[in-house]
Amino acid sequence: MTDPRRLVPRTDTVLACPELVQAQRRLGRDLVKAAVVVAQQRVRDGQIAPDDVVAQVLAALPPTASSSRRVLNATGIIVHTNLGRAPLSPAALDAVAEAGGYTDVEFDLTTGHRARRGEGTLAALTEAVPAAGAVHVVNNNAAALLLTALELAQGKEIVLSRGELVEIGDGFRIPELLMSAGARLREVGTTNRTNVRDYAEAIGPGTGFVLKVHPSNFRVTGFTAAPDIAELTGFGVPLVADIGSGLLTAHPALPDEPDADSALRAGANLVTASGDKLLGGPQAGLMFGDAGLIERLRRNPAARALRVDKLTLAALEASVRGPVTPVRAALDVSPDDLAERAAKLAAGLAGFGARAVESVAEVGGGGAPGVPLPSAAVSLPRRFAELLRAGTPAVVGRVERDRCLLDLRAITPEQDAELDQAVRRCAS
């Protein structure tokens, strides 16, 4: 009998196949070779025929050289931190691809001299927030607060309410972040009630600035009180507002969510926000405020360590100037449209135990905590939750009452067919 090992095609012969030569240009030789080795072992084990090696390798190769996997977000959480927060718009993705090579990120093509880094992005953000005298961008909102503390409160006090000593993702706490910059915290009021007098009595010669933090991922209800931004002006020290989730201007569906333009008009000297939440752009820390104050922050030595790269600047500008972002589209979609799509999907998948149900989605990412968003979902037997996560693309839903719910709030209409096929693959 012929030894099965003699039937295994040579590695160099397989790698020389035109399809795999093209794959090596895209993914690199090492990654493709590793897939070839796995396929060769399957031939030895008798699981596939020698002639199937190339097809097996092509099927096993990832779409990119990155280990990151594409996910369809059927959780009902629009800005899902564990799934990368805001998905970029097609315009932003095109801008990132265009900026991937050499670009004029810090160069004036007219004069041939060095230019202000990301000038187009800064102009777009300034136009989007009319009350802003200037804008600076760092790598996330925590970095924006850190830079602010380094410039305005190193060796000084930051006055803030006890009810706003928040913890953000992965156990990071705002107080610890601020103190790491060499600032001291002057806590005022109580966890549920703080008034203007509490702030006024705490301000003195050692005050660096007053900080107003919008609560993230929680609400305090009942016997509560807190002054708004307009009530905290006139103390003779900078007023900094961390609005967190990143609305640039007011959104009708989120009337209680603060926005940068309104905060500046109310009297804040500096507003910080995230770029990858309600704005729907890439991860970035956005800083809007007085031109003189922004210039001070920009010239701080730490600003260099906290600056963003050319890809972030490109995606951010395209998110502001371009068409509606996926996050905004998910916020604005009609519940009736979601119900119609869920009914259509469930009808096609009825043989697998699917049915259309009402659902409740949420903003996520610290935006609009406690605000329900009426939605619709496809309900499937619980076993589909694990199967869908293991598929390509991976589909992440949520489990409620022993059923797998695929909420459509963050699924685009163009992705409905993909969702349908993903369920069918699991069922087969």
Protein backbone atom coordinates (compact mmCIF):
# COMPACT_ATOMS: atom_id res chain seq x y z
CA MET A 1 0.00 0.00 0.00
CA THR A 2 1.09 3.59 -0.69
CA ASP A 3 2.25 5.49 2.40
CA PRO A 4 -0.26 8.40 2.89
CA ARG A 5 2.64 10.71 3.62
CA ARG A 6 3.83 10.28 0.02
CA LEU A 7 0.52 11.80 -1.15
CA VAL A 8 0.97 15.04 0.81
CA PRO A 9 1.88 17.83 -1.65
CA ARG A 10 5.17 19.60 -0.97
CA THR A 11 4.97 22.92 0.87
CA ASP A 12 6.81 24.87 -1.79
CA THR A 13 4.59 23.38 -4.51
CA VAL A 14 1.41 24.45 -2.69
CA LEU A 15 2.75 27.94 -1.96
CA ALA A 16 3.59 28.36 -5.66
CA CYS A 17 -0.07 27.97 -6.68
CA PRO A 18 -1.27 31.30 -8.19
CA GLU A 19 -4.12 31.65 -5.67
CA LEU A 20 -1.73 31.30 -2.74
CA VAL A 21 0.89 33.53 -4.30
CA GLN A 22 -1.74 36.26 -4.36
CA ALA A 23 -2.73 35.45 -0.77
CA GLN A 24 0.91 35.80 0.33
CA ARG A 25 1.07 39.30 -1.15
CA ARG A 26 -1.98 40.22 0.91
CA LEU A 27 -1.34 38.33 4.15
CA GLY A 28 2.37 37.49 4.22
CA ARG A 29 4.17 34.19 3.64
CA ASP A 30 4.27 33.04 7.27
CA LEU A 31 0.51 33.20 7.80
CA VAL A 32 -0.24 31.37 4.53
CA LYS A 33 2.44 28.75 5.21
CA ALA A 34 0.94 28.02 8.63
CA ALA A 35 -2.41 27.30 6.96
CA VAL A 36 -0.67 25.01 4.46
CA VAL A 37 0.91 23.01 7.29
CA VAL A 38 -2.51 22.48 8.88
CA ALA A 39 -4.00 21.33 5.58
CA GLN A 40 -1.10 18.92 4.98
CA GLN A 41 -1.73 17.35 8.38
CA ARG A 42 -5.37 16.84 7.46
CA VAL A 43 -4.22 14.91 4.38
CA ARG A 44 -2.03 12.69 6.59
CA ASP A 45 -4.98 12.10 8.90
CA GLY A 46 -7.18 11.14 5.97
CA GLN A 47 -9.60 14.00 6.52
CA ILE A 48 -9.16 15.61 3.09
CA ALA A 49 -7.81 14.52 -0.29
CA PRO A 50 -4.43 15.83 -1.52
CA ASP A 51 -6.14 17.71 -4.33
CA ASP A 52 -8.19 19.65 -1.74
CA VAL A 53 -5.21 21.24 0.03
CA VAL A 54 -5.29 24.57 -1.82
CA ALA A 55 -9.05 24.95 -1.36
CA GLN A 56 -8.68 24.08 2.32
CA VAL A 57 -5.96 26.71 2.77
CA LEU A 58 -7.97 29.41 1.00
CA ALA A 59 -11.00 28.64 3.17
CA ALA A 60 -8.94 28.85 6.34
CA LEU A 61 -7.18 32.14 5.59
CA PRO A 62 -8.42 35.25 7.41
CA PRO A 63 -9.58 38.28 5.40
CA THR A 64 -6.67 40.38 6.72
CA ALA A 65 -3.33 39.87 8.43
CA SER A 66 -4.88 41.05 11.69
CA SER A 67 -6.32 38.69 14.30
CA SER A 68 -9.32 41.01 14.78
CA ARG A 69 -12.57 39.47 13.60
CA ARG A 70 -15.49 41.32 12.08
CA VAL A 71 -18.64 41.23 14.22
CA LEU A 72 -22.31 41.89 13.50
CA ASN A 73 -23.56 43.74 16.59
CA ALA A 74 -27.00 42.32 17.41
CA THR A 75 -26.78 43.12 21.13
CA GLY A 76 -29.01 46.20 20.93
CA ILE A 77 -26.21 48.33 22.40
CA ILE A 78 -25.28 50.89 19.74
CA VAL A 79 -21.96 52.04 21.21
CA HIS A 80 -20.64 48.74 22.56
CA THR A 81 -17.24 49.25 24.20
CA ASN A 82 -16.26 45.56 24.01
CA LEU A 83 -17.09 45.50 20.30
CA GLY A 84 -15.01 48.58 19.47
CA ARG A 85 -17.60 51.29 20.20
CA ALA A 86 -18.61 53.25 17.09
CA PRO A 87 -18.36 51.52 13.71
CA LEU A 88 -16.80 53.84 11.14
CA SER A 89 -18.83 55.12 8.22
CA PRO A 90 -17.92 54.13 4.64
CA ALA A 91 -16.62 57.69 4.18
CA ALA A 92 -14.33 57.32 7.20
CA LEU A 93 -13.09 53.93 6.03
CA ASP A 94 -12.25 55.39 2.62
CA ALA A 95 -10.43 58.27 4.31
CA VAL A 96 -8.36 55.86 6.41
CA ALA A 97 -7.38 53.87 3.32
CA GLU A 98 -6.39 57.06 1.49
CA ALA A 99 -4.33 58.25 4.46
CA GLY A 100 -2.59 54.90 4.87
CA GLY A 101 0.31 55.94 2.64
CA TYR A 102 2.15 59.23 2.56
CA THR A 103 -0.18 62.14 3.29
CA ASP A 104 -0.07 65.88 3.90
CA VAL A 105 -1.03 65.45 7.56
CA GLU A 106 1.61 68.02 8.63
CA PHE A 107 2.70 69.54 5.32
CA ASP A 108 1.52 72.46 3.18
CA LEU A 109 1.53 71.34 -0.44
CA THR A 110 1.24 74.95 -1.66
CA THR A 111 4.22 76.42 0.17
CA GLY A 112 6.24 73.25 0.61
CA HIS A 113 6.66 73.98 4.32
CA ARG A 114 5.54 72.31 7.53
CA ALA A 115 1.89 72.97 8.45
CA ARG A 116 -0.35 72.62 11.51
CA ARG A 117 -0.93 68.91 12.12
CA GLY A 118 -4.41 67.79 11.10
CA GLU A 119 -5.49 71.27 10.09
CA GLY A 120 -8.44 70.03 8.03
CA THR A 121 -9.74 67.91 10.91
CA LEU A 122 -9.47 70.78 13.38
CA ALA A 123 -11.32 73.08 10.97
CA ALA A 124 -14.12 70.53 10.53
CA LEU A 125 -14.58 70.17 14.29
CA THR A 126 -14.53 73.94 14.84
CA GLU A 127 -17.20 74.40 12.16
CA ALA A 128 -19.31 71.66 13.74
CA VAL A 129 -19.21 73.38 17.17
CA PRO A 130 -19.77 77.10 16.44
CA ALA A 131 -19.23 78.17 20.06
CA ALA A 132 -15.69 76.73 20.10
CA GLY A 133 -12.85 79.19 19.67
CA ALA A 134 -10.45 76.35 18.89
CA VAL A 135 -10.11 72.56 19.03
CA HIS A 136 -7.41 70.13 20.06
CA VAL A 137 -7.46 66.33 19.60
CA VAL A 138 -5.75 63.69 21.76
CA ASN A 139 -6.05 59.92 21.80
CA ASN A 140 -9.10 59.52 24.08
CA ASN A 141 -11.21 61.43 26.58
CA ALA A 142 -9.16 60.22 29.55
CA ALA A 143 -6.10 61.71 27.83
CA ALA A 144 -8.01 64.99 27.42
CA LEU A 145 -8.65 65.15 31.16
CA LEU A 146 -5.07 64.16 31.94
CA LEU A 147 -3.67 66.90 29.70
CA THR A 148 -6.04 69.44 31.25
CA ALA A 149 -4.93 68.51 34.77
CA LEU A 150 -1.26 68.65 33.80
CA GLU A 151 -1.59 72.13 32.34
CA LEU A 152 -4.07 73.75 34.73
CA ALA A 153 -3.82 71.94 38.05
CA GLN A 154 -0.40 70.39 38.59
CA GLY A 155 0.29 71.07 42.27
CA LYS A 156 -3.15 72.70 42.59
CA GLU A 157 -6.69 71.66 43.44
CA ILE A 158 -9.47 70.47 41.16
CA VAL A 159 -12.90 71.21 42.61
CA LEU A 160 -15.60 68.67 41.75
CA SER A 161 -18.73 67.14 43.23
CA ARG A 162 -18.61 63.88 45.17
CA GLY A 163 -21.46 62.65 43.01
CA GLU A 164 -19.23 62.94 39.94
CA LEU A 165 -16.27 60.86 41.11
CA VAL A 166 -16.98 58.29 38.44
CA GLU A 167 -15.32 55.06 37.42
CA ILE A 168 -14.94 54.45 33.69
CA GLY A 169 -14.24 51.22 31.78
CA ASP A 170 -12.00 48.44 33.07
CA GLY A 171 -11.79 49.87 36.57
CA PHE A 172 -10.19 53.21 35.71
CA ARG A 173 -11.34 55.98 38.04
CA ILE A 174 -11.43 59.67 37.18
CA PRO A 175 -10.07 60.75 40.62
CA GLU A 176 -7.02 58.50 40.29
CA LEU A 177 -6.42 59.71 36.73
CA LEU A 178 -6.46 63.36 37.83
CA MET A 179 -4.23 62.76 40.85
CA SER A 180 -1.69 60.98 38.63
CA ALA A 181 -1.13 64.39 37.00
CA GLY A 182 -0.02 65.85 40.33
CA ALA A 183 -3.33 67.52 41.12
CA ARG A 184 -5.22 67.43 44.41
CA LEU A 185 -8.95 66.82 44.50
CA ARG A 186 -11.27 69.07 46.49
CA GLU A 187 -14.51 67.14 46.82
CA VAL A 188 -17.65 69.17 47.47
CA GLY A 189 -21.26 68.34 48.31
CA THR A 190 -22.52 64.80 48.79
CA THR A 191 -23.10 61.84 46.51
CA ASN A 192 -26.67 62.89 45.80
CA ARG A 193 -26.82 66.67 46.41
CA THR A 194 -24.35 69.45 45.60
CA ASN A 195 -25.14 73.15 45.29
CA VAL A 196 -23.41 76.28 43.99
CA ARG A 197 -22.39 77.36 47.49
CA ASP A 198 -20.43 74.12 47.95
CA TYR A 199 -18.29 75.05 44.94
CA ALA A 200 -17.94 78.73 45.91
CA GLU A 201 -16.70 77.90 49.41
CA ALA A 202 -14.08 75.50 48.06
CA ILE A 203 -12.46 77.86 45.55
CA GLY A 204 -9.33 79.69 46.62
CA PRO A 205 -5.80 80.69 45.56
CA GLY A 206 -4.84 77.03 45.14
CA THR A 207 -7.69 76.16 42.77
CA GLY A 208 -6.62 75.01 39.30
CA PHE A 209 -10.08 74.60 37.82
CA VAL A 210 -13.63 73.49 38.50
CA LEU A 211 -14.58 70.17 36.86
CA LYS A 212 -18.11 69.20 35.91
CA VAL A 213 -18.37 65.50 34.93
CA HIS A 214 -21.41 64.07 33.20
CA PRO A 215 -22.26 60.71 34.88
CA SER A 216 -21.27 57.71 32.77
CA ASN A 217 -23.28 54.48 32.72
CA PHE A 218 -25.41 55.34 35.74
CA ARG A 219 -28.10 57.67 37.04
CA VAL A 220 -28.71 59.02 40.53
CA THR A 221 -32.44 59.49 41.11
CA GLY A 222 -34.67 60.55 43.97
CA PHE A 223 -33.56 63.25 46.41
CA THR A 224 -30.88 64.79 44.20
CA ALA A 225 -29.59 68.21 43.18
CA ALA A 226 -26.68 69.45 41.09
CA PRO A 227 -25.96 72.88 39.57
CA ASP A 228 -25.77 73.15 35.81
CA ILE A 229 -22.84 74.61 33.91
CA ALA A 230 -24.27 78.13 33.73
CA GLU A 231 -24.48 78.28 37.53
CA LEU A 232 -20.76 77.46 37.93
CA THR A 233 -19.38 80.37 35.92
CA GLY A 234 -17.92 83.56 37.34
CA PHE A 235 -15.65 82.01 39.97
CA GLY A 236 -12.50 83.40 38.36
CA VAL A 237 -11.06 79.97 37.56
CA PRO A 238 -11.47 77.82 34.41
CA LEU A 239 -14.62 75.72 34.23
CA VAL A 240 -14.05 72.35 32.52
CA ALA A 241 -16.98 70.19 31.43
CA ASP A 242 -16.42 66.51 30.65
CA ILE A 243 -19.52 65.64 28.62
CA GLY A 244 -18.21 62.14 27.91
CA SER A 245 -20.25 60.63 25.10
CA GLY A 246 -19.45 63.20 22.47
CA LEU A 247 -22.54 64.90 21.08
CA LEU A 248 -21.35 67.99 19.23
CA THR A 249 -24.80 69.59 19.08
CA ALA A 250 -28.12 68.61 20.64
CA HIS A 251 -29.96 65.48 19.43
CA PRO A 252 -33.79 65.47 19.65
CA ALA A 253 -33.94 61.82 20.76
CA LEU A 254 -31.55 62.50 23.68
CA PRO A 255 -32.76 65.75 25.25
CA ASP A 256 -30.91 65.19 28.54
CA GLU A 257 -27.57 64.30 26.96
CA PRO A 258 -25.10 67.24 27.08
CA ASP A 259 -23.48 68.49 23.89
CA ALA A 260 -20.29 70.47 23.31
CA ASP A 261 -21.84 73.53 21.70
CA SER A 262 -24.46 74.02 24.42
CA ALA A 263 -21.89 73.52 27.20
CA LEU A 264 -19.64 76.22 25.75
CA ARG A 265 -22.54 78.61 25.29
CA ALA A 266 -23.52 78.01 28.91
CA GLY A 267 -20.11 79.24 30.02
CA ALA A 268 -17.67 76.32 30.08
CA ASN A 269 -14.13 77.37 29.18
CA LEU A 270 -13.20 73.88 28.04
CA VAL A 271 -15.29 70.87 27.00
CA THR A 272 -13.88 67.35 26.63
CA ALA A 273 -15.60 64.45 24.89
CA SER A 274 -15.01 61.12 23.17
CA GLY A 275 -14.82 60.78 19.40
CA ASP A 276 -15.89 57.12 19.21
CA LYS A 277 -19.23 57.34 20.96
CA LEU A 278 -22.20 59.46 19.84
CA LEU A 279 -20.11 61.33 17.26
CA GLY A 280 -19.63 57.96 15.57
CA GLY A 281 -15.95 58.41 14.72
CA PRO A 282 -12.64 56.84 15.75
CA GLN A 283 -11.25 56.74 19.28
CA ALA A 284 -10.14 60.27 20.14
CA GLY A 285 -10.35 62.84 22.91
CA LEU A 286 -11.95 66.06 21.69
CA MET A 287 -11.15 69.35 23.44
CA PHE A 288 -13.22 72.44 22.57
CA GLY A 289 -12.75 75.83 24.17
CA ASP A 290 -11.18 79.28 24.34
CA ALA A 291 -8.48 79.73 21.72
CA GLY A 292 -5.92 80.85 24.29
CA LEU A 293 -6.63 77.91 26.59
CA ILE A 294 -6.51 75.40 23.73
CA GLU A 295 -3.15 76.81 22.66
CA ARG A 296 -1.78 76.33 26.17
CA LEU A 297 -2.92 72.70 26.13
CA ARG A 298 -1.46 72.16 22.67
CA ARG A 299 1.94 73.49 23.77
CA ASN A 300 2.12 71.39 26.94
CA PRO A 301 5.00 68.88 26.66
CA ALA A 302 2.61 65.98 27.33
CA ALA A 303 0.54 66.88 24.26
CA ARG A 304 3.14 65.23 22.05
CA ALA A 305 2.77 61.94 23.92
CA LEU A 306 -1.03 62.08 23.68
CA ARG A 307 -1.43 63.12 20.05
CA VAL A 308 -3.33 61.05 17.49
CA ASP A 309 -2.03 59.53 14.28
CA LYS A 310 -2.86 60.41 10.67
CA LEU A 311 -5.42 57.59 10.35
CA THR A 312 -7.43 58.88 13.32
CA LEU A 313 -7.35 62.44 11.98
CA ALA A 314 -8.57 61.27 8.58
CA ALA A 315 -11.39 59.14 10.01
CA LEU A 316 -12.42 61.90 12.41
CA GLU A 317 -12.71 64.55 9.70
CA ALA A 318 -14.66 62.21 7.43
CA SER A 319 -17.02 61.35 10.31
CA VAL A 320 -17.75 65.04 10.85
CA ARG A 321 -17.91 66.20 7.23
CA GLY A 322 -19.23 63.04 5.59
CA PRO A 323 -22.69 61.43 5.45
CA VAL A 324 -24.61 60.19 8.47
CA THR A 325 -22.53 57.83 10.60
CA PRO A 326 -23.77 54.32 11.51
CA VAL A 327 -24.24 55.44 15.13
CA ARG A 328 -26.45 58.35 14.10
CA ALA A 329 -28.39 56.11 11.72
CA ALA A 330 -28.96 53.59 14.52
CA LEU A 331 -30.23 56.37 16.78
CA ASP A 332 -32.58 57.75 14.14
CA VAL A 333 -34.05 54.52 12.73
CA SER A 334 -37.81 54.10 13.12
CA PRO A 335 -39.02 51.34 15.49
CA ASP A 336 -41.67 50.49 12.87
CA ASP A 337 -38.94 49.89 10.29
CA LEU A 338 -37.10 47.65 12.75
CA ALA A 339 -40.27 45.67 13.44
CA GLU A 340 -40.89 45.19 9.72
CA ARG A 341 -37.34 43.94 9.14
CA ALA A 342 -37.52 41.59 12.14
CA ALA A 343 -40.81 40.13 10.89
CA LYS A 344 -39.34 39.50 7.44
CA LEU A 345 -36.20 37.85 8.81
CA ALA A 346 -38.15 35.70 11.27
CA ALA A 347 -40.54 34.53 8.56
CA GLY A 348 -37.63 33.30 6.46
CA LEU A 349 -36.05 31.56 9.44
CA ALA A 350 -39.24 30.17 10.94
CA GLY A 351 -38.06 26.61 10.28
CA PHE A 352 -35.25 27.16 12.77
CA GLY A 353 -37.54 28.33 15.57
CA ALA A 354 -37.26 32.07 14.82
CA ARG A 355 -39.90 34.61 15.70
CA ALA A 356 -40.03 38.41 15.70
CA VAL A 357 -40.29 40.10 19.11
CA GLU A 358 -40.24 43.59 20.57
CA SER A 359 -36.96 44.63 22.16
CA VAL A 360 -35.38 47.50 24.05
CA ALA A 361 -32.00 48.82 22.91
CA GLU A 362 -29.70 51.39 24.50
CA VAL A 363 -27.04 53.90 23.52
CA GLY A 364 -24.17 52.33 25.50
CA GLY A 365 -20.65 53.61 25.98
CA GLY A 366 -21.70 55.89 28.83
CA GLY A 367 -24.18 57.80 26.65
CA ALA A 368 -27.73 58.49 27.79
CA PRO A 369 -27.72 55.98 30.68
CA GLY A 370 -31.18 54.63 31.44
CA VAL A 371 -32.74 55.92 28.21
CA PRO A 372 -34.62 53.04 26.49
CA LEU A 373 -34.70 52.86 22.70
CA PRO A 374 -37.68 50.88 21.36
CA SER A 375 -36.41 48.19 19.01
CA ALA A 376 -37.18 44.82 17.45
CA ALA A 377 -35.35 41.50 17.44
CA VAL A 378 -35.32 38.03 15.96
CA SER A 379 -35.71 35.47 18.75
CA LEU A 380 -34.02 32.07 18.32
CA PRO A 381 -33.39 29.03 20.51
CA ARG A 382 -30.62 29.71 23.02
CA ARG A 383 -28.08 27.38 21.37
CA PHE A 384 -27.73 29.85 18.49
CA ALA A 385 -25.97 32.40 20.73
CA GLU A 386 -22.76 30.37 20.96
CA LEU A 387 -22.95 29.06 17.40
CA LEU A 388 -23.34 32.55 15.94
CA ARG A 389 -20.36 33.90 17.90
CA ALA A 390 -18.18 31.18 16.34
CA GLY A 391 -19.25 31.94 12.77
CA THR A 392 -17.78 34.16 10.06
CA PRO A 393 -18.72 36.92 10.42
CA ALA A 394 -19.25 36.48 14.14
CA VAL A 395 -22.72 37.53 15.30
CA VAL A 396 -23.10 38.70 18.90
CA GLY A 397 -26.63 38.86 20.29
CA ARG A 398 -27.89 38.63 23.85
CA VAL A 399 -29.62 35.93 25.87
CA GLU A 400 -32.94 36.72 27.57
CA ARG A 401 -35.37 34.22 29.10
CA ASP A 402 -33.39 31.33 27.65
CA ARG A 403 -33.67 32.69 24.10
CA CYS A 404 -31.06 34.21 21.79
CA LEU A 405 -32.19 37.68 20.73
CA LEU A 406 -30.73 39.34 17.66
CA ASP A 407 -31.62 43.02 18.12
CA LEU A 408 -31.66 44.97 14.84
CA ARG A 409 -31.07 48.49 16.23
CA ALA A 410 -27.32 48.40 15.40
CA ILE A 411 -27.71 46.12 12.35
CA THR A 412 -27.96 48.01 9.06
CA PRO A 413 -30.57 46.95 6.47
CA GLU A 414 -27.69 45.95 4.20
CA GLN A 415 -26.57 43.43 6.85
CA ASP A 416 -29.95 41.65 7.10
CA ALA A 417 -28.99 39.16 4.38
CA GLU A 418 -25.71 38.40 6.18
CA LEU A 419 -27.60 37.83 9.42
CA ASP A 420 -30.01 35.49 7.65
CA GLN A 421 -27.16 33.47 6.13
CA ALA A 422 -25.29 33.32 9.44
CA VAL A 423 -28.30 31.73 11.15
CA ARG A 424 -28.76 29.27 8.27
CA ARG A 425 -25.10 28.18 8.47
CA CYS A 426 -25.46 27.54 12.20
CA ALA A 427 -28.62 25.52 11.67
CA SER A 428 -26.93 23.32 9.08
